[in-house]
Amino acid sequence: MIGVSMVLLWGGAAIWMLHDLDNEMHRTLDQRLAMSAHMVAGLMSQNPAAWDGRTGKTGASTLSMPATAKGLACQVSLRGEVIARTPGAAPDDMGTATLGFSGRKINGEQWRSYTLEAHGLRVTAADRLTERDTLLRNVIVAAVVPFVVALIGSLIVLWIGVGSGLLPLERLRQILASRAPDALTPIFCVPMSRDLLPLVNTLNHLLERMSVTISRERRFTSDAAHELRTPLTAIKTHLQVVRITDGKEAQVAMDYAEEGVARLQHSLSQLLTLSQVEGAFSWDDGRIADASEVARLAMRDAAPDAPERIVLDDDGNGAALALPQALAVTALRNLLDNALRHTLAASSVRLELRCSPDTIRFSVCDSGPGLSDDELVLVTQRFWRRGSGRGSGLGLSIVVAITERFGGSLELLQRLEGGLETKLTLPRIRGRPA
């Protein structure tokens, strides 16, 4: 495309240049004819004795012309009588020429003539068009040949230059084509020009992100398969017990199976939420998440049957969170679920809401057994649970994923008076009143 564009562009420029050159050449040669006629008239006027009859003899005189000037002709006449002419001039044809420029046919050839009358003389100068065409053709050849050679040379250099410049890219393509489908190691073995280094760096970053994502998904799939296998096995076992027993034992087995189904349903719901938070799923529903409303909805979902177990200390005053309301409610509800699960039924859980110019912090304080230092490190990992405790082990993992996606943070601290304090910090929308 570059070569074709160059040919079309410079070809158009050449045609334009040749057209202007043709016009300029004809104009210059016409000026030469006019100047020749005026020069002859001026020279003849300086010596009238040579042609006014006072020398005793009149008549046409001829001049000897070199072979290279046979394409030129000139004739001088006085009162219709030719008094001087060049050998190539035809008196009858040139004598009838009109004043100014005109085209004539002399001795079967086309001529361009210029005629003027001055000092009583009629002067006609002419040149043969064949000579003009030969001169123009020689000028065009002299101009076009270097142009064509330069254009062809430029196309060759362009072809070699583009091929050489894209050679590293072809090597990169070959390396990528020869890699195994699961090879996600960075590319470092390709000699690369500076112009292609950003591409290689971007590919390496992409491969690194893909490697991390695939490793996370493989671990997630493995953990999920192991986690879901346990409740499925328990449900199957209890259903088999129901089939071979009856009465109270069958009812107990059915209750256990129903509990396993509920646990499995909860685990699947948590897995779906986690995959959506970590993926490209869009949660934006156009609603502004009010901090106080988020706290109220999370409390309702976490303790629908015992709302008095959660004590709210709110100074939100209409502060808006910079993330979707559904995710904010999910994160806070998971924290409240964990706190209520590890707190005695007779004790309450405290929820504090504090605002700063850039963030909103939700603090959940419980009076449970708390966590050791080692458990504080493991508690946010997927499917981690203390002992054989209830739950899917995904609640805090979901909270961490939400905070990472929207620039928040999660902090777990041991309380001096016992229990655990969980601080969820989320960004707020600036420009709204606190």
Protein backbone atom coordinates (compact mmCIF):
# COMPACT_ATOMS: atom_id res chain seq x y z
CA MET A 1 0.00 0.00 0.00
CA ILE A 2 2.84 2.39 0.74
CA GLY A 3 4.48 1.54 -2.60
CA VAL A 4 1.24 1.98 -4.56
CA SER A 5 0.58 5.26 -2.75
CA MET A 6 4.07 6.48 -3.60
CA VAL A 7 3.67 5.52 -7.29
CA LEU A 8 0.27 7.24 -7.55
CA LEU A 9 1.42 10.34 -5.67
CA TRP A 10 4.68 10.83 -7.53
CA GLY A 11 3.11 9.76 -10.84
CA GLY A 12 0.49 12.48 -10.43
CA ALA A 13 3.20 14.97 -9.51
CA ALA A 14 5.20 13.94 -12.60
CA ILE A 15 2.21 14.39 -14.93
CA TRP A 16 1.56 17.80 -13.39
CA MET A 17 5.22 18.74 -13.79
CA LEU A 18 5.35 17.54 -17.43
CA HIS A 19 2.20 19.45 -18.29
CA ASP A 20 3.66 22.64 -16.83
CA LEU A 21 6.99 21.92 -18.55
CA ASP A 22 5.28 21.54 -21.94
CA ASN A 23 3.45 24.84 -21.52
CA GLU A 24 6.60 26.58 -20.33
CA MET A 25 8.68 25.23 -23.20
CA HIS A 26 6.19 26.40 -25.83
CA ARG A 27 5.91 29.79 -24.16
CA THR A 28 9.71 30.15 -24.03
CA LEU A 29 10.13 29.17 -27.70
CA ASP A 30 7.38 31.60 -28.71
CA GLN A 31 9.20 34.33 -26.81
CA ARG A 32 12.38 33.37 -28.67
CA LEU A 33 10.59 33.73 -32.00
CA ALA A 34 9.23 37.14 -31.06
CA MET A 35 12.62 38.32 -29.80
CA SER A 36 14.31 37.06 -32.99
CA ALA A 37 11.85 38.97 -35.18
CA HIS A 38 12.32 42.16 -33.18
CA MET A 39 16.09 41.77 -33.23
CA VAL A 40 16.15 41.37 -37.04
CA ALA A 41 13.86 44.38 -37.49
CA GLY A 42 16.09 46.45 -35.24
CA LEU A 43 19.27 45.45 -37.05
CA MET A 44 17.75 46.15 -40.48
CA SER A 45 16.54 49.56 -39.34
CA GLN A 46 20.09 50.54 -38.35
CA ASN A 47 21.32 50.26 -42.02
CA PRO A 48 18.55 51.41 -44.37
CA ALA A 49 21.02 51.87 -47.20
CA ALA A 50 21.24 48.11 -47.55
CA TRP A 51 17.62 47.76 -48.55
CA ASP A 52 16.10 51.18 -49.52
CA GLY A 53 17.36 50.98 -53.13
CA ARG A 54 20.03 53.68 -52.89
CA THR A 55 22.78 51.14 -53.47
CA GLY A 56 21.42 50.65 -56.97
CA LYS A 57 20.27 47.05 -56.55
CA THR A 58 17.42 45.41 -54.70
CA GLY A 59 16.30 41.84 -54.39
CA ALA A 60 16.23 38.89 -52.02
CA SER A 61 19.48 37.88 -50.42
CA THR A 62 20.16 34.62 -48.64
CA LEU A 63 22.38 33.79 -45.72
CA SER A 64 24.35 30.68 -45.15
CA MET A 65 23.00 28.71 -42.13
CA PRO A 66 24.73 25.96 -40.11
CA ALA A 67 23.24 22.49 -40.27
CA THR A 68 22.06 22.70 -36.65
CA ALA A 69 19.96 25.79 -37.45
CA LYS A 70 17.97 24.38 -40.35
CA GLY A 71 14.90 24.25 -38.15
CA LEU A 72 14.87 28.09 -38.05
CA ALA A 73 13.70 30.45 -40.82
CA CYS A 74 13.45 34.22 -41.18
CA GLN A 75 12.21 36.48 -43.97
CA VAL A 76 12.25 40.28 -44.37
CA SER A 77 10.09 42.01 -46.97
CA LEU A 78 9.54 45.62 -47.99
CA ARG A 79 6.29 46.67 -49.61
CA GLY A 80 5.56 43.06 -50.53
CA GLU A 81 9.05 42.41 -51.97
CA VAL A 82 11.34 39.98 -50.15
CA ILE A 83 14.66 41.66 -49.52
CA ALA A 84 16.27 39.04 -47.23
CA ARG A 85 15.54 35.50 -46.16
CA THR A 86 17.20 32.38 -44.77
CA PRO A 87 17.63 29.33 -47.01
CA GLY A 88 14.82 27.44 -45.31
CA ALA A 89 12.24 30.20 -45.82
CA ALA A 90 9.54 29.88 -48.49
CA PRO A 91 8.63 33.39 -49.71
CA ASP A 92 5.12 32.59 -50.79
CA ASP A 93 4.18 30.72 -47.59
CA MET A 94 5.84 33.13 -45.17
CA GLY A 95 4.69 36.23 -46.98
CA THR A 96 1.05 35.48 -46.26
CA ALA A 97 1.54 35.00 -42.54
CA THR A 98 -0.72 37.11 -40.32
CA LEU A 99 0.68 39.45 -37.72
CA GLY A 100 1.54 37.78 -34.42
CA PHE A 101 1.79 34.05 -33.82
CA SER A 102 0.37 31.56 -36.30
CA GLY A 103 0.87 28.03 -37.51
CA ARG A 104 2.07 27.49 -41.07
CA LYS A 105 2.74 24.56 -43.36
CA ILE A 106 5.97 25.13 -45.28
CA ASN A 107 7.30 22.57 -47.74
CA GLY A 108 4.96 19.97 -46.27
CA GLU A 109 6.09 20.55 -42.64
CA GLN A 110 4.40 22.33 -39.77
CA TRP A 111 6.04 25.56 -38.60
CA ARG A 112 5.35 28.09 -35.87
CA SER A 113 5.79 31.70 -37.00
CA TYR A 114 5.75 35.20 -35.60
CA THR A 115 5.26 38.26 -37.85
CA LEU A 116 5.66 41.96 -37.08
CA GLU A 117 5.78 45.20 -39.04
CA ALA A 118 8.26 47.85 -37.93
CA HIS A 119 10.16 50.64 -39.70
CA GLY A 120 8.32 49.85 -42.96
CA LEU A 121 9.58 46.29 -42.87
CA ARG A 122 7.64 43.07 -42.46
CA VAL A 123 9.66 40.50 -40.55
CA THR A 124 8.60 36.87 -40.11
CA ALA A 125 10.53 34.42 -37.90
CA ALA A 126 9.56 30.74 -37.74
CA ASP A 127 10.78 27.45 -36.35
CA ARG A 128 9.84 23.91 -37.31
CA LEU A 129 7.53 22.09 -34.86
CA THR A 130 9.49 18.88 -35.38
CA GLU A 131 12.49 20.56 -33.81
CA ARG A 132 10.32 21.79 -30.98
CA ASP A 133 8.98 18.29 -30.31
CA THR A 134 12.49 16.85 -30.39
CA LEU A 135 13.69 19.45 -27.90
CA LEU A 136 10.71 18.83 -25.59
CA ARG A 137 11.19 15.07 -25.83
CA ASN A 138 14.86 15.38 -24.90
CA VAL A 139 13.99 17.57 -21.93
CA ILE A 140 11.29 15.12 -20.77
CA VAL A 141 13.66 12.16 -21.07
CA ALA A 142 16.32 14.06 -19.13
CA ALA A 143 13.80 14.79 -16.36
CA VAL A 144 11.83 11.52 -16.30
CA VAL A 145 14.64 8.97 -16.41
CA PRO A 146 16.26 10.09 -13.10
CA PHE A 147 12.78 10.38 -11.60
CA VAL A 148 11.82 6.82 -12.58
CA VAL A 149 15.16 5.43 -11.42
CA ALA A 150 14.80 7.22 -8.07
CA LEU A 151 11.19 5.97 -7.69
CA ILE A 152 12.14 2.36 -8.43
CA GLY A 153 15.11 2.63 -6.06
CA SER A 154 12.83 4.05 -3.36
CA LEU A 155 10.38 1.15 -3.78
CA ILE A 156 13.22 -1.37 -3.51
CA VAL A 157 14.60 0.33 -0.40
CA LEU A 158 11.08 0.53 1.04
CA TRP A 159 10.53 -3.20 0.43
CA ILE A 160 13.84 -4.13 2.01
CA GLY A 161 13.37 -1.71 4.91
CA VAL A 162 9.84 -2.85 5.77
CA GLY A 163 10.84 -6.51 5.48
CA SER A 164 13.87 -5.96 7.71
CA GLY A 165 11.84 -3.91 10.20
CA LEU A 166 9.11 -6.57 10.48
CA LEU A 167 11.56 -9.47 10.73
CA PRO A 168 11.63 -9.35 14.58
CA LEU A 169 7.82 -9.39 14.54
CA GLU A 170 7.88 -12.49 12.33
CA ARG A 171 10.32 -14.13 14.75
CA LEU A 172 7.99 -13.26 17.61
CA ARG A 173 5.08 -14.79 15.69
CA GLN A 174 7.02 -17.99 15.10
CA ILE A 175 7.94 -18.25 18.78
CA LEU A 176 4.33 -17.73 19.84
CA ALA A 177 3.12 -20.25 17.26
CA SER A 178 5.57 -22.88 18.52
CA ARG A 179 4.67 -22.46 22.21
CA ALA A 180 2.53 -25.04 23.97
CA PRO A 181 -1.06 -23.97 24.74
CA ASP A 182 -0.36 -23.92 28.48
CA ALA A 183 3.02 -22.13 28.21
CA LEU A 184 2.57 -18.78 29.94
CA THR A 185 6.20 -17.96 30.70
CA PRO A 186 7.44 -14.50 29.61
CA ILE A 187 9.15 -13.99 26.25
CA PHE A 188 12.81 -13.01 26.71
CA CYS A 189 14.70 -14.88 23.97
CA VAL A 190 13.79 -12.68 20.98
CA PRO A 191 16.20 -9.94 19.81
CA MET A 192 13.86 -7.01 19.48
CA SER A 193 14.05 -3.47 18.18
CA ARG A 194 13.13 -0.58 20.44
CA ASP A 195 9.90 0.01 18.51
CA LEU A 196 8.64 -3.52 19.30
CA LEU A 197 9.76 -3.66 22.93
CA PRO A 198 6.46 -2.13 24.20
CA LEU A 199 4.60 -4.94 22.39
CA VAL A 200 6.78 -7.63 23.97
CA ASN A 201 6.45 -6.04 27.42
CA THR A 202 2.67 -5.88 27.03
CA LEU A 203 2.57 -9.54 25.96
CA ASN A 204 4.70 -10.52 28.96
CA HIS A 205 2.38 -8.63 31.33
CA LEU A 206 -0.62 -10.31 29.69
CA LEU A 207 0.95 -13.75 30.02
CA GLU A 208 1.77 -13.04 33.67
CA ARG A 209 -1.82 -11.99 34.41
CA MET A 210 -3.16 -15.01 32.55
CA SER A 211 -0.85 -17.31 34.52
CA VAL A 212 -2.03 -15.84 37.82
CA THR A 213 -5.68 -16.03 36.74
CA ILE A 214 -5.45 -19.60 35.51
CA SER A 215 -3.62 -20.71 38.66
CA ARG A 216 -6.25 -19.06 40.80
CA GLU A 217 -9.07 -20.64 38.82
CA ARG A 218 -7.46 -24.08 38.97
CA ARG A 219 -7.06 -23.78 42.72
CA PHE A 220 -10.59 -22.44 43.00
CA THR A 221 -11.99 -25.33 40.92
CA SER A 222 -10.07 -27.90 42.94
CA ASP A 223 -11.17 -26.42 46.25
CA ALA A 224 -14.76 -26.04 45.08
CA ALA A 225 -14.92 -29.64 43.87
CA HIS A 226 -13.57 -30.88 47.21
CA GLU A 227 -15.92 -28.59 49.18
CA LEU A 228 -19.02 -29.58 47.24
CA ARG A 229 -18.21 -33.29 47.33
CA THR A 230 -18.66 -33.44 51.12
CA PRO A 231 -22.29 -32.18 51.33
CA LEU A 232 -23.23 -34.20 48.26
CA THR A 233 -21.84 -37.36 49.84
CA ALA A 234 -23.67 -36.60 53.11
CA ILE A 235 -26.96 -35.98 51.29
CA LYS A 236 -26.60 -39.24 49.37
CA THR A 237 -25.86 -41.15 52.58
CA HIS A 238 -28.86 -39.72 54.45
CA LEU A 239 -31.17 -40.44 51.51
CA GLN A 240 -29.98 -44.02 51.50
CA VAL A 241 -30.74 -44.20 55.24
CA VAL A 242 -34.24 -42.88 54.54
CA ARG A 243 -34.75 -45.62 51.96
CA ILE A 244 -33.81 -48.48 54.31
CA THR A 245 -35.36 -47.16 57.53
CA ASP A 246 -38.61 -45.64 58.66
CA GLY A 247 -40.05 -43.82 61.58
CA LYS A 248 -37.94 -41.48 63.66
CA GLU A 249 -34.63 -42.56 62.13
CA ALA A 250 -35.92 -41.80 58.67
CA GLN A 251 -37.12 -38.38 59.81
CA VAL A 252 -33.74 -37.56 61.38
CA ALA A 253 -31.94 -38.67 58.20
CA MET A 254 -34.29 -36.51 56.15
CA ASP A 255 -33.55 -33.52 58.39
CA TYR A 256 -29.82 -34.06 57.92
CA ALA A 257 -30.29 -34.34 54.15
CA GLU A 258 -32.27 -31.11 54.13
CA GLU A 259 -29.51 -29.41 56.13
CA GLY A 260 -26.95 -30.68 53.60
CA VAL A 261 -29.00 -29.30 50.75
CA ALA A 262 -29.17 -25.91 52.47
CA ARG A 263 -25.42 -25.97 53.03
CA LEU A 264 -24.82 -26.93 49.41
CA GLN A 265 -27.15 -24.17 48.21
CA HIS A 266 -25.34 -21.64 50.39
CA SER A 267 -21.94 -22.78 49.09
CA LEU A 268 -23.08 -22.52 45.47
CA SER A 269 -24.47 -19.05 46.10
CA GLN A 270 -21.20 -17.94 47.66
CA LEU A 271 -19.20 -19.45 44.77
CA LEU A 272 -21.35 -17.61 42.23
CA THR A 273 -20.94 -14.32 44.07
CA LEU A 274 -17.17 -14.78 44.32
CA SER A 275 -16.80 -15.59 40.60
CA GLN A 276 -18.85 -12.53 39.66
CA VAL A 277 -16.87 -10.21 41.92
CA GLU A 278 -13.53 -11.44 40.57
CA GLY A 279 -14.72 -11.47 36.94
CA ALA A 280 -15.81 -8.77 34.52
CA PHE A 281 -19.41 -8.84 35.69
CA SER A 282 -20.94 -5.36 35.96
CA TRP A 283 -22.82 -4.67 39.17
CA ASP A 284 -23.67 -1.07 38.44
CA ASP A 285 -27.44 -0.67 38.64
CA GLY A 286 -27.40 3.15 38.68
CA ARG A 287 -28.31 3.34 42.39
CA ILE A 288 -26.21 5.28 44.89
CA ALA A 289 -25.27 3.13 47.87
CA ASP A 290 -26.12 5.03 51.05
CA ALA A 291 -23.97 3.86 53.97
CA SER A 292 -26.81 3.86 56.50
CA GLU A 293 -29.10 2.01 54.10
CA VAL A 294 -26.36 -0.58 53.47
CA ALA A 295 -26.01 -1.13 57.23
CA ARG A 296 -29.78 -1.52 57.66
CA LEU A 297 -30.12 -4.03 54.80
CA ALA A 298 -27.10 -6.08 55.98
CA MET A 299 -28.52 -6.25 59.53
CA ARG A 300 -31.91 -7.38 58.19
CA ASP A 301 -30.35 -10.15 56.07
CA ALA A 302 -27.93 -11.34 58.78
CA ALA A 303 -30.45 -11.57 61.65
CA PRO A 304 -33.98 -11.63 60.23
CA ASP A 305 -35.38 -13.46 63.29
CA ALA A 306 -33.39 -11.63 66.00
CA PRO A 307 -32.68 -8.05 64.90
CA GLU A 308 -32.03 -7.06 68.52
CA ARG A 309 -28.77 -9.04 68.48
CA ILE A 310 -27.11 -6.32 66.37
CA VAL A 311 -26.56 -2.88 67.91
CA LEU A 312 -25.92 -0.09 65.40
CA ASP A 313 -23.84 3.01 66.13
CA ASP A 314 -24.29 5.16 63.01
CA ASP A 315 -22.83 8.55 62.08
CA GLY A 316 -23.18 8.02 58.32
CA ASN A 317 -25.47 11.02 57.78
CA GLY A 318 -26.25 10.09 54.18
CA ALA A 319 -22.67 9.33 53.06
CA ALA A 320 -22.57 7.56 49.67
CA LEU A 321 -20.34 4.57 48.92
CA ALA A 322 -18.35 4.44 45.67
CA LEU A 323 -19.43 0.87 44.86
CA PRO A 324 -22.72 -0.91 44.05
CA GLN A 325 -25.14 -1.29 46.92
CA ALA A 326 -25.53 -5.06 46.38
CA LEU A 327 -21.81 -5.68 46.88
CA ALA A 328 -21.59 -3.41 49.90
CA VAL A 329 -24.54 -5.21 51.52
CA THR A 330 -23.00 -8.61 50.69
CA ALA A 331 -19.64 -7.73 52.25
CA LEU A 332 -21.15 -6.31 55.45
CA ARG A 333 -23.67 -9.17 55.77
CA ASN A 334 -20.87 -11.76 55.58
CA LEU A 335 -19.03 -10.01 58.42
CA LEU A 336 -22.18 -9.90 60.55
CA ASP A 337 -22.91 -13.59 59.78
CA ASN A 338 -19.47 -14.61 61.02
CA ALA A 339 -19.79 -12.46 64.15
CA LEU A 340 -23.25 -13.83 65.02
CA ARG A 341 -22.15 -17.42 64.37
CA HIS A 342 -19.29 -17.15 66.87
CA THR A 343 -21.18 -15.14 69.51
CA LEU A 344 -23.45 -16.62 72.14
CA ALA A 345 -27.16 -16.17 71.53
CA ALA A 346 -27.45 -14.11 74.70
CA SER A 347 -24.78 -11.66 73.56
CA SER A 348 -25.03 -8.94 70.97
CA VAL A 349 -22.84 -7.79 68.10
CA ARG A 350 -21.92 -4.15 67.74
CA LEU A 351 -21.84 -2.45 64.33
CA GLU A 352 -20.17 0.96 64.12
CA LEU A 353 -20.31 3.22 61.07
CA ARG A 354 -17.72 6.02 60.85
CA CYS A 355 -17.13 8.47 58.00
CA SER A 356 -14.00 10.31 56.86
CA PRO A 357 -13.55 12.65 53.87
CA ASP A 358 -12.54 9.77 51.54
CA THR A 359 -13.73 6.53 53.16
CA ILE A 360 -16.48 4.93 55.22
CA ARG A 361 -15.53 2.34 57.85
CA PHE A 362 -17.82 -0.39 59.15
CA SER A 363 -16.56 -1.99 62.39
CA VAL A 364 -18.11 -5.27 63.57
CA CYS A 365 -17.27 -6.22 67.18
CA ASP A 366 -18.24 -9.56 68.68
CA SER A 367 -17.59 -11.29 72.00
CA GLY A 368 -16.71 -14.71 70.63
CA PRO A 369 -13.54 -16.76 71.16
CA GLY A 370 -11.54 -14.73 68.68
CA LEU A 371 -8.72 -16.04 66.51
CA SER A 372 -5.07 -16.85 67.10
CA ASP A 373 -2.30 -15.11 65.16
CA ASP A 374 -1.96 -18.08 62.83
CA GLU A 375 -5.70 -18.22 62.27
CA LEU A 376 -5.79 -14.49 61.46
CA VAL A 377 -3.46 -15.24 58.53
CA LEU A 378 -5.57 -18.16 57.25
CA VAL A 379 -9.06 -16.83 57.87
CA THR A 380 -9.37 -14.95 54.54
CA GLN A 381 -8.33 -17.96 52.44
CA ARG A 382 -10.99 -19.74 50.46
CA PHE A 383 -12.78 -22.65 52.12
CA TRP A 384 -10.84 -22.22 55.37
CA ARG A 385 -12.89 -22.97 58.48
CA ARG A 386 -11.91 -23.52 62.08
CA GLY A 387 -12.22 -27.24 62.70
CA SER A 388 -15.44 -28.62 61.25
CA GLY A 389 -17.38 -25.44 61.73
CA ARG A 390 -20.41 -24.51 59.74
CA GLY A 391 -20.36 -22.27 56.72
CA SER A 392 -18.72 -22.52 53.34
CA GLY A 393 -15.45 -20.80 54.21
CA LEU A 394 -16.02 -18.24 51.47
CA GLY A 395 -17.56 -15.32 53.36
CA LEU A 396 -14.35 -13.43 54.13
CA SER A 397 -12.86 -14.37 50.73
CA ILE A 398 -15.81 -12.58 49.10
CA VAL A 399 -15.25 -9.55 51.32
CA VAL A 400 -11.56 -9.44 50.36
CA ALA A 401 -12.43 -9.74 46.64
CA ILE A 402 -14.89 -6.82 46.92
CA THR A 403 -12.37 -4.60 48.72
CA GLU A 404 -9.66 -5.40 46.15
CA ARG A 405 -11.97 -4.62 43.24
CA PHE A 406 -13.08 -1.25 44.56
CA GLY A 407 -10.01 -0.05 46.47
CA GLY A 408 -11.14 -0.81 50.03
CA SER A 409 -9.51 -2.81 52.83
CA LEU A 410 -10.32 -5.45 55.43
CA GLU A 411 -8.61 -5.62 58.83
CA LEU A 412 -9.15 -8.19 61.60
CA LEU A 413 -8.01 -7.39 65.16
CA GLN A 414 -8.17 -9.19 68.48
CA ARG A 415 -10.11 -7.21 71.12
CA LEU A 416 -8.52 -6.78 74.53
CA GLU A 417 -11.80 -7.65 76.25
CA GLY A 418 -12.19 -10.77 74.10
CA GLY A 419 -13.67 -11.39 70.73
CA LEU A 420 -12.79 -10.07 67.32
CA GLU A 421 -13.09 -6.66 65.68
CA THR A 422 -13.41 -6.60 61.91
CA LYS A 423 -12.90 -3.26 60.12
CA LEU A 424 -14.29 -2.93 56.60
CA THR A 425 -13.14 0.28 54.90
CA LEU A 426 -14.80 1.26 51.63
CA PRO A 427 -14.32 4.33 49.40
CA ARG A 428 -16.98 6.99 49.37
CA ILE A 429 -18.18 9.34 46.65
CA ARG A 430 -16.59 12.75 47.06
CA GLY A 431 -18.59 15.90 46.85
CA ARG A 432 -21.55 14.57 48.88
CA PRO A 433 -22.23 15.76 52.42
CA ALA A 434 -20.97 13.61 55.28
